[in-house]
Amino acid sequence: MRPISLVLLDAKPNRHSMNALLGALEADRDLDDLDLRQAAGGVQLGQQIAAAVAAGRRPIVGVSCTTRQLPRVGELLAANRPTDDPSRVFWIAGGPHPSGDPEGTLRLGFDAVVLGEGEATLPDLLKTIAADGDLAGVAGLAIRGSSGRTRFTGRRPAVDLDVYPPFPLRRRRAGPIEITRGCPFACGYCQTSHLLGTLPRHRSIATIARYAAAMRAKSVCDVRVITPNAFSYGSPDGRTLNLSALESLLATLRQTLGEDGRLFFGTFPSEVRPEHVNPSTLELVKRFADNDHLIMGAQTGSERLLGLCRRGHTVADVFSAVSQTLGVGLKPHVDFIFGLPGETDEDLKSTIGVIRELAAMGALIHAHTFTPLPQTLFAGQPSGKIQGRLRTVLKDLTHEGSLYGTWRRE
């Protein structure tokens, strides 16, 4: 076995996915002696590569990124790759964008792309590299073949969330607990269904509670969850509610955390679907959780665009969800995406009217700008732009305290 060092680019936007990967590495006892190095940026990345080489280890650099991060990742690769010895440094990419566009990612200079879920693939890949084994035998990869063409090594089964930790406890690192993967809706702008499947997989209540208790034991008082749709926990299809499973989850977490712990549910980094907001789900949040708001996705105020996006709900569902949320004393935060493909002046007029009405009701608008993502229905479409009348409206709502988001930078 060759001595190796895994150098992970651990940027803030990727901390949740890094937690899952680090948890998987920690769970693999064959990798107990893995030399793991983390870098927050390009300078540290170069330093850690050099330190690994100086220690006589082969550096394996791991980078996870989204489409918006891709230009920066390309810069980091260009800045560090020419100075390394290609026979020694091995570059791995993973995450949403590389999984959606493995060929383009390999062309940037990466040696391998981990496709989709990485908990089983990454440890297998590391052990294969250390043993100078054949990467073609590692399922779940895209690699460069001898002819220069992309070679795919086959699919892996979907990950069982109960098998892997949500974060690496031995490394004293915690974060939100992922409770569900997969989404049945496959919205036109979203990669989740393509990367993680359309059939939801739920981490069991016992496993979730075990990690919540472990966090509590380390004096981490706040517990949050990661899920495409918080109210869908326990649902066999992600569309229908399983209120008994949802209640059992929340009641168990409440008991686990005790009086001093706080549970945040239906807030960042997760949200709820508007058609799933009803008296029963709201009552559960009020009874068991500590958050004072809910985040829900509307995405557009145009019925036509909702259909094109395959959202699966109506504008009326959004108004109903906002009204009911306000009625129980919670603040609704409502996500909108501006510049969606096919948006007409009439669509924009409808959306502006809806966000103004929601803001007047007391909702807080969370504004995003459309970005085309690989493998989605809207892949290849131009990025959204906020200009003219819409920019004025968003600025006014921001000044009024009714709107927030990174739409100016996106």
Protein backbone atom coordinates (compact mmCIF):
# COMPACT_ATOMS: atom_id res chain seq x y z
CA MET A 1 0.00 0.00 0.00
CA ARG A 2 1.30 3.45 -0.89
CA PRO A 3 1.06 6.09 1.85
CA ILE A 4 -1.54 8.65 0.81
CA SER A 5 -2.91 11.95 2.08
CA LEU A 6 -6.45 13.08 1.38
CA VAL A 7 -6.54 16.86 0.96
CA LEU A 8 -10.15 18.11 1.05
CA LEU A 9 -11.21 21.55 -0.09
CA ASP A 10 -13.54 22.30 2.81
CA ALA A 11 -15.24 25.51 1.67
CA LYS A 12 -18.12 26.89 3.74
CA PRO A 13 -20.84 26.29 1.08
CA ASN A 14 -19.92 22.59 1.00
CA ARG A 15 -19.70 21.87 4.72
CA HIS A 16 -22.87 19.77 4.86
CA SER A 17 -21.78 17.47 2.03
CA MET A 18 -18.27 17.32 3.51
CA ASN A 19 -19.78 16.26 6.83
CA ALA A 20 -21.41 13.27 5.14
CA LEU A 21 -18.18 12.27 3.39
CA LEU A 22 -16.07 12.69 6.51
CA GLY A 23 -18.59 10.61 8.43
CA ALA A 24 -18.31 7.84 5.85
CA LEU A 25 -14.50 7.91 6.01
CA GLU A 26 -14.64 7.77 9.79
CA ALA A 27 -16.99 4.76 9.66
CA ASP A 28 -14.57 2.77 7.47
CA ARG A 29 -12.15 1.23 9.95
CA ASP A 30 -9.76 0.34 7.12
CA LEU A 31 -9.12 4.08 6.87
CA ASP A 32 -8.46 4.73 10.56
CA ASP A 33 -4.89 5.74 9.75
CA LEU A 34 -5.80 7.95 6.79
CA ASP A 35 -3.80 11.16 6.75
CA LEU A 36 -6.58 13.72 6.27
CA ARG A 37 -5.83 17.35 5.55
CA GLN A 38 -8.37 20.13 5.00
CA ALA A 39 -8.02 23.44 3.20
CA ALA A 40 -10.44 26.36 3.28
CA GLY A 41 -9.09 27.99 0.11
CA GLY A 42 -6.56 27.94 -2.69
CA VAL A 43 -3.50 29.01 -0.70
CA GLN A 44 -4.09 26.39 1.97
CA LEU A 45 -4.78 23.81 -0.72
CA GLY A 46 -1.37 24.35 -2.28
CA GLN A 47 0.31 24.30 1.12
CA GLN A 48 -1.33 21.02 2.11
CA ILE A 49 -0.41 19.38 -1.20
CA ALA A 50 3.21 20.43 -0.72
CA ALA A 51 3.22 19.23 2.89
CA ALA A 52 1.86 15.83 1.89
CA VAL A 53 4.53 15.46 -0.82
CA ALA A 54 7.22 16.50 1.64
CA ALA A 55 5.99 13.81 4.04
CA GLY A 56 6.45 11.17 1.34
CA ARG A 57 2.74 10.67 0.74
CA ARG A 58 0.78 10.76 -2.47
CA PRO A 59 -1.72 13.64 -2.23
CA ILE A 60 -5.28 12.92 -3.29
CA VAL A 61 -7.18 16.18 -3.63
CA GLY A 62 -10.96 16.09 -3.16
CA VAL A 63 -13.17 18.96 -4.34
CA SER A 64 -16.97 19.20 -4.12
CA CYS A 65 -18.74 22.00 -5.95
CA THR A 66 -21.97 23.40 -7.29
CA THR A 67 -22.41 25.03 -10.69
CA ARG A 68 -21.98 28.51 -9.22
CA GLN A 69 -18.68 27.45 -7.64
CA LEU A 70 -17.29 25.97 -10.85
CA PRO A 71 -15.37 29.07 -12.06
CA ARG A 72 -13.56 29.32 -8.73
CA VAL A 73 -12.80 25.60 -8.72
CA GLY A 74 -11.36 25.91 -12.22
CA GLU A 75 -9.09 28.70 -10.98
CA LEU A 76 -7.91 26.62 -8.02
CA LEU A 77 -7.15 23.66 -10.26
CA ALA A 78 -5.27 25.80 -12.78
CA ALA A 79 -3.26 27.44 -10.00
CA ASN A 80 -2.23 24.17 -8.35
CA ARG A 81 -2.18 21.51 -11.04
CA PRO A 82 0.74 22.84 -13.12
CA THR A 83 3.02 22.79 -10.06
CA ASP A 84 2.30 19.22 -9.03
CA ASP A 85 3.68 15.97 -10.32
CA PRO A 86 0.76 14.34 -12.19
CA SER A 87 2.14 10.93 -11.28
CA ARG A 88 1.82 11.76 -7.59
CA VAL A 89 -1.19 14.06 -7.13
CA PHE A 90 -4.62 12.64 -7.90
CA TRP A 91 -7.55 15.03 -8.32
CA ILE A 92 -11.12 13.95 -7.45
CA ALA A 93 -14.27 16.00 -8.05
CA GLY A 94 -17.72 15.36 -6.66
CA GLY A 95 -20.92 17.12 -5.74
CA PRO A 96 -23.81 18.49 -7.81
CA HIS A 97 -22.04 19.97 -10.80
CA PRO A 98 -19.39 17.28 -11.40
CA SER A 99 -22.06 14.60 -11.01
CA GLY A 100 -24.25 16.37 -13.55
CA ASP A 101 -21.45 17.13 -16.02
CA PRO A 102 -18.69 14.57 -15.48
CA GLU A 103 -17.20 14.97 -18.96
CA GLY A 104 -16.83 18.73 -18.59
CA THR A 105 -15.37 18.30 -15.11
CA LEU A 106 -12.77 15.82 -16.32
CA ARG A 107 -11.81 18.28 -19.06
CA LEU A 108 -10.94 20.81 -16.34
CA GLY A 109 -8.12 18.47 -15.33
CA PHE A 110 -9.66 16.17 -12.71
CA ASP A 111 -8.63 12.51 -12.76
CA ALA A 112 -11.94 11.11 -11.51
CA VAL A 113 -15.47 12.23 -10.74
CA VAL A 114 -17.48 10.62 -7.96
CA LEU A 115 -21.01 10.42 -9.32
CA GLY A 116 -23.87 11.23 -6.97
CA GLU A 117 -23.64 9.80 -3.47
CA GLY A 118 -20.06 9.40 -2.32
CA GLU A 119 -20.25 7.61 1.04
CA ALA A 120 -19.40 4.19 -0.44
CA THR A 121 -17.48 5.33 -3.52
CA LEU A 122 -14.90 7.63 -1.92
CA PRO A 123 -13.49 5.13 0.63
CA ASP A 124 -13.34 2.45 -2.07
CA LEU A 125 -11.55 4.86 -4.41
CA LEU A 126 -8.99 5.89 -1.78
CA LYS A 127 -8.12 2.28 -0.94
CA THR A 128 -7.83 1.42 -4.62
CA ILE A 129 -5.44 4.32 -5.28
CA ALA A 130 -3.33 3.38 -2.25
CA ALA A 131 -3.10 -0.18 -3.55
CA ASP A 132 -2.28 0.95 -7.11
CA GLY A 133 -5.44 -0.87 -8.16
CA ASP A 134 -7.58 -0.55 -11.27
CA LEU A 135 -10.03 2.36 -10.98
CA ALA A 136 -12.33 0.63 -13.43
CA GLY A 137 -13.23 -1.74 -10.60
CA VAL A 138 -14.55 1.11 -8.43
CA ALA A 139 -18.24 1.58 -9.15
CA GLY A 140 -19.69 5.06 -9.17
CA LEU A 141 -16.95 6.89 -11.06
CA ALA A 142 -16.33 8.75 -14.28
CA ILE A 143 -12.69 8.52 -15.32
CA ARG A 144 -10.60 9.23 -18.39
CA GLY A 145 -10.11 6.15 -20.51
CA SER A 146 -6.93 5.35 -22.39
CA SER A 147 -8.37 6.89 -25.55
CA GLY A 148 -9.18 10.12 -23.72
CA ARG A 149 -12.91 9.42 -23.73
CA THR A 150 -14.89 9.42 -20.49
CA ARG A 151 -15.34 5.97 -19.00
CA PHE A 152 -18.13 5.18 -16.52
CA THR A 153 -17.53 2.39 -14.01
CA GLY A 154 -21.15 1.49 -13.28
CA ARG A 155 -23.80 2.48 -10.78
CA ARG A 156 -23.84 1.83 -7.07
CA PRO A 157 -26.99 0.97 -5.12
CA ALA A 158 -28.67 3.90 -3.38
CA VAL A 159 -27.12 4.65 0.00
CA ASP A 160 -28.85 3.40 3.14
CA LEU A 161 -28.72 6.45 5.39
CA ASP A 162 -28.72 4.32 8.53
CA VAL A 163 -25.39 2.76 7.52
CA TYR A 164 -23.44 6.04 7.46
CA PRO A 165 -23.06 8.82 10.04
CA PRO A 166 -24.35 12.28 9.07
CA PHE A 167 -21.09 13.81 10.33
CA PRO A 168 -17.75 12.68 11.82
CA LEU A 169 -18.19 12.65 15.59
CA ARG A 170 -14.67 11.45 16.35
CA ARG A 171 -13.36 14.52 14.58
CA ARG A 172 -15.53 16.66 16.87
CA ARG A 173 -17.49 18.00 13.95
CA ALA A 174 -21.29 18.12 13.85
CA GLY A 175 -24.00 19.78 11.81
CA PRO A 176 -27.55 19.33 10.58
CA ILE A 177 -28.74 15.72 10.51
CA GLU A 178 -29.84 14.54 7.07
CA ILE A 179 -33.17 12.76 7.56
CA THR A 180 -34.32 12.20 3.96
CA ARG A 181 -32.78 11.87 0.49
CA GLY A 182 -34.62 11.87 -2.81
CA CYS A 183 -37.48 13.92 -4.19
CA PRO A 184 -40.33 12.80 -6.48
CA PHE A 185 -41.02 16.16 -8.11
CA ALA A 186 -37.97 16.66 -10.38
CA CYS A 187 -38.60 20.41 -10.68
CA GLY A 188 -37.18 21.82 -13.89
CA TYR A 189 -34.46 23.90 -12.23
CA CYS A 190 -33.40 21.40 -9.49
CA GLN A 191 -30.82 18.59 -9.54
CA THR A 192 -31.99 16.76 -6.41
CA SER A 193 -34.14 14.14 -8.15
CA HIS A 194 -31.46 13.48 -10.77
CA LEU A 195 -28.66 13.06 -8.24
CA LEU A 196 -30.46 11.35 -5.36
CA GLY A 197 -33.45 9.67 -6.97
CA THR A 198 -37.19 10.26 -7.00
CA LEU A 199 -38.00 7.74 -4.27
CA PRO A 200 -37.42 9.18 -0.79
CA ARG A 201 -35.12 7.34 1.60
CA HIS A 202 -35.47 8.20 5.27
CA ARG A 203 -32.94 7.82 8.06
CA SER A 204 -34.66 5.92 10.88
CA ILE A 205 -35.91 7.74 13.95
CA ALA A 206 -33.66 5.66 16.21
CA THR A 207 -30.57 6.60 14.18
CA ILE A 208 -31.52 10.27 14.01
CA ALA A 209 -32.10 10.34 17.76
CA ARG A 210 -28.74 8.64 18.38
CA TYR A 211 -26.87 11.39 16.59
CA ALA A 212 -28.96 14.10 18.22
CA ALA A 213 -28.06 12.61 21.59
CA ALA A 214 -24.39 12.51 20.61
CA MET A 215 -24.54 16.20 19.69
CA ARG A 216 -26.26 16.98 22.98
CA ALA A 217 -23.56 15.08 24.87
CA LYS A 218 -20.98 17.35 23.26
CA SER A 219 -22.95 20.43 24.35
CA VAL A 220 -24.29 21.16 20.87
CA CYS A 221 -27.70 22.51 21.88
CA ASP A 222 -29.25 23.26 18.48
CA VAL A 223 -30.35 20.47 16.14
CA ARG A 224 -31.36 21.11 12.52
CA VAL A 225 -32.21 18.72 9.71
CA ILE A 226 -31.42 18.35 6.01
CA THR A 227 -34.24 17.19 3.75
CA PRO A 228 -35.83 18.27 0.45
CA ASN A 229 -39.18 18.63 2.25
CA ALA A 230 -39.33 18.49 6.04
CA PHE A 231 -43.00 17.52 6.24
CA SER A 232 -42.47 14.49 3.97
CA TYR A 233 -40.52 12.54 6.60
CA GLY A 234 -41.65 8.92 6.60
CA SER A 235 -43.65 9.32 3.39
CA PRO A 236 -43.28 6.37 1.00
CA ASP A 237 -43.55 8.60 -2.08
CA GLY A 238 -42.67 12.11 -0.86
CA ARG A 239 -46.02 13.44 -2.05
CA THR A 240 -48.36 12.16 0.65
CA LEU A 241 -47.89 12.94 4.32
CA ASN A 242 -47.15 10.39 7.01
CA LEU A 243 -48.24 12.35 10.05
CA SER A 244 -47.66 9.52 12.51
CA ALA A 245 -44.02 9.15 11.41
CA LEU A 246 -43.54 12.90 11.48
CA GLU A 247 -44.98 13.16 14.98
CA SER A 248 -42.87 10.25 16.21
CA LEU A 249 -39.71 11.87 14.83
CA LEU A 250 -40.39 15.25 16.38
CA ALA A 251 -41.53 13.82 19.72
CA THR A 252 -38.43 11.62 19.93
CA LEU A 253 -36.10 14.51 19.12
CA ARG A 254 -37.83 16.73 21.63
CA GLN A 255 -37.39 14.12 24.33
CA THR A 256 -33.78 13.50 23.31
CA LEU A 257 -32.82 17.16 23.42
CA GLY A 258 -34.48 17.91 26.75
CA GLU A 259 -35.42 21.32 28.04
CA ASP A 260 -32.11 23.00 27.16
CA GLY A 261 -31.82 21.70 23.60
CA ARG A 262 -33.45 23.43 20.65
CA LEU A 263 -34.98 21.81 17.57
CA PHE A 264 -35.34 23.71 14.30
CA PHE A 265 -37.58 22.05 11.72
CA GLY A 266 -38.66 23.39 8.33
CA THR A 267 -35.95 26.05 8.41
CA PHE A 268 -32.56 26.29 6.70
CA PRO A 269 -31.03 24.01 5.46
CA SER A 270 -34.42 22.48 4.67
CA GLU A 271 -37.84 23.80 3.72
CA VAL A 272 -41.44 22.67 3.39
CA ARG A 273 -43.75 22.42 0.39
CA PRO A 274 -46.72 24.81 0.49
CA GLU A 275 -49.36 22.13 -0.15
CA HIS A 276 -48.07 20.25 2.92
CA VAL A 277 -48.68 23.20 5.24
CA ASN A 278 -51.90 22.48 7.09
CA PRO A 279 -53.26 22.62 10.66
CA SER A 280 -51.79 19.20 11.50
CA THR A 281 -48.22 19.87 10.32
CA LEU A 282 -48.21 23.36 11.82
CA GLU A 283 -49.44 22.01 15.16
CA LEU A 284 -46.53 19.56 15.25
CA VAL A 285 -44.01 22.35 14.62
CA LYS A 286 -45.55 24.51 17.32
CA ARG A 287 -45.65 21.64 19.82
CA PHE A 288 -42.16 20.21 19.32
CA ALA A 289 -39.89 22.70 17.51
CA ASP A 290 -38.31 25.97 18.57
CA ASN A 291 -38.23 27.89 15.29
CA ASP A 292 -40.23 31.08 14.85
CA HIS A 293 -40.50 30.75 11.05
CA LEU A 294 -40.96 28.29 8.20
CA ILE A 295 -39.23 28.32 4.82
CA MET A 296 -41.43 27.28 1.90
CA GLY A 297 -40.88 27.22 -1.85
CA ALA A 298 -43.17 29.12 -4.21
CA GLN A 299 -40.56 29.88 -6.92
CA THR A 300 -42.96 31.88 -9.12
CA GLY A 301 -46.31 33.64 -8.92
CA SER A 302 -47.27 32.49 -12.41
CA GLU A 303 -49.52 29.44 -12.69
CA ARG A 304 -48.13 28.86 -16.19
CA LEU A 305 -44.52 28.82 -14.99
CA LEU A 306 -45.40 26.58 -12.05
CA GLY A 307 -46.61 24.07 -14.60
CA LEU A 308 -43.52 24.43 -16.76
CA CYS A 309 -41.34 23.93 -13.68
CA ARG A 310 -43.34 20.83 -12.67
CA ARG A 311 -43.74 22.21 -9.18
CA GLY A 312 -46.86 20.23 -8.37
CA HIS A 313 -48.67 23.00 -6.47
CA THR A 314 -50.62 26.16 -7.28
CA VAL A 315 -50.34 29.83 -6.38
CA ALA A 316 -53.42 29.33 -4.20
CA ASP A 317 -51.47 26.69 -2.23
CA VAL A 318 -48.82 29.32 -1.50
CA PHE A 319 -51.33 31.87 -0.24
CA SER A 320 -53.02 29.21 1.89
CA ALA A 321 -49.71 28.11 3.39
CA VAL A 322 -48.68 31.68 4.19
CA SER A 323 -52.04 32.50 5.75
CA GLN A 324 -52.07 29.38 7.92
CA THR A 325 -48.44 29.85 8.98
CA LEU A 326 -49.10 33.43 10.06
CA GLY A 327 -52.23 32.24 11.85
CA VAL A 328 -50.22 30.09 14.27
CA GLY A 329 -47.65 32.79 14.96
CA LEU A 330 -44.86 31.64 12.65
CA LYS A 331 -43.19 33.87 10.06
CA PRO A 332 -43.35 32.47 6.50
CA HIS A 333 -40.17 32.83 4.42
CA VAL A 334 -41.13 32.26 0.80
CA ASP A 335 -38.55 31.35 -1.88
CA PHE A 336 -38.86 32.81 -5.38
CA ILE A 337 -36.62 32.22 -8.41
CA PHE A 338 -36.46 35.11 -10.87
CA GLY A 339 -35.50 34.84 -14.53
CA LEU A 340 -36.86 31.33 -15.04
CA PRO A 341 -36.73 30.05 -18.65
CA GLY A 342 -39.76 31.08 -20.67
CA GLU A 343 -40.75 33.85 -18.28
CA THR A 344 -42.88 36.44 -20.11
CA ASP A 345 -43.86 39.96 -19.14
CA GLU A 346 -47.23 38.59 -18.07
CA ASP A 347 -45.58 35.94 -15.88
CA LEU A 348 -43.39 38.61 -14.31
CA LYS A 349 -46.39 40.84 -13.69
CA SER A 350 -48.15 37.96 -11.92
CA THR A 351 -45.09 37.19 -9.79
CA ILE A 352 -44.60 40.81 -8.77
CA GLY A 353 -48.25 41.01 -7.77
CA VAL A 354 -47.97 37.82 -5.72
CA ILE A 355 -44.81 38.83 -3.85
CA ARG A 356 -46.25 42.25 -3.05
CA GLU A 357 -49.42 40.66 -1.69
CA LEU A 358 -47.48 38.08 0.33
CA ALA A 359 -45.23 40.80 1.76
CA ALA A 360 -48.30 42.84 2.71
CA MET A 361 -49.67 39.79 4.53
CA GLY A 362 -46.48 39.58 6.59
CA ALA A 363 -44.37 37.06 4.67
CA LEU A 364 -40.64 37.52 4.10
CA ILE A 365 -39.55 36.96 0.48
CA HIS A 366 -36.31 35.08 -0.23
CA ALA A 367 -35.10 36.02 -3.71
CA HIS A 368 -32.91 33.87 -5.98
CA THR A 369 -31.83 34.18 -9.61
CA PHE A 370 -32.16 31.22 -11.95
CA THR A 371 -29.00 29.24 -12.72
CA PRO A 372 -29.11 26.41 -15.29
CA LEU A 373 -27.92 23.14 -13.76
CA PRO A 374 -26.73 20.07 -15.68
CA GLN A 375 -29.16 17.19 -16.31
CA THR A 376 -32.20 19.24 -15.32
CA LEU A 377 -35.11 20.13 -17.59
CA PHE A 378 -33.74 23.68 -17.85
CA ALA A 379 -30.11 22.72 -18.45
CA GLY A 380 -28.62 24.77 -21.28
CA GLN A 381 -31.01 27.69 -20.77
CA PRO A 382 -29.54 31.16 -20.19
CA SER A 383 -29.01 32.32 -16.63
CA GLY A 384 -31.71 34.53 -15.21
CA LYS A 385 -31.30 38.30 -15.07
CA ILE A 386 -32.96 40.79 -12.77
CA GLN A 387 -33.36 44.15 -14.39
CA GLY A 388 -35.75 46.99 -15.09
CA ARG A 389 -39.02 47.01 -13.21
CA LEU A 390 -38.26 43.83 -11.26
CA ARG A 391 -34.98 45.20 -9.90
CA THR A 392 -36.81 48.29 -8.66
CA VAL A 393 -39.46 46.16 -6.94
CA LEU A 394 -36.88 43.93 -5.23
CA LYS A 395 -34.87 46.94 -4.06
CA ASP A 396 -38.00 48.56 -2.62
CA LEU A 397 -39.02 45.37 -0.79
CA THR A 398 -35.46 44.98 0.53
CA HIS A 399 -35.52 48.52 1.93
CA GLU A 400 -38.89 47.79 3.53
CA GLY A 401 -37.46 44.71 5.23
CA SER A 402 -39.76 42.34 3.31
CA LEU A 403 -37.15 40.68 1.07
CA TYR A 404 -33.67 39.19 1.41
CA GLY A 405 -31.33 36.95 -0.54
CA THR A 406 -28.22 36.95 -2.71
CA TRP A 407 -30.04 37.95 -5.90
CA ARG A 408 -27.75 40.95 -6.45
CA ARG A 409 -24.67 38.69 -6.57
CA GLU A 410 -26.17 35.73 -8.43
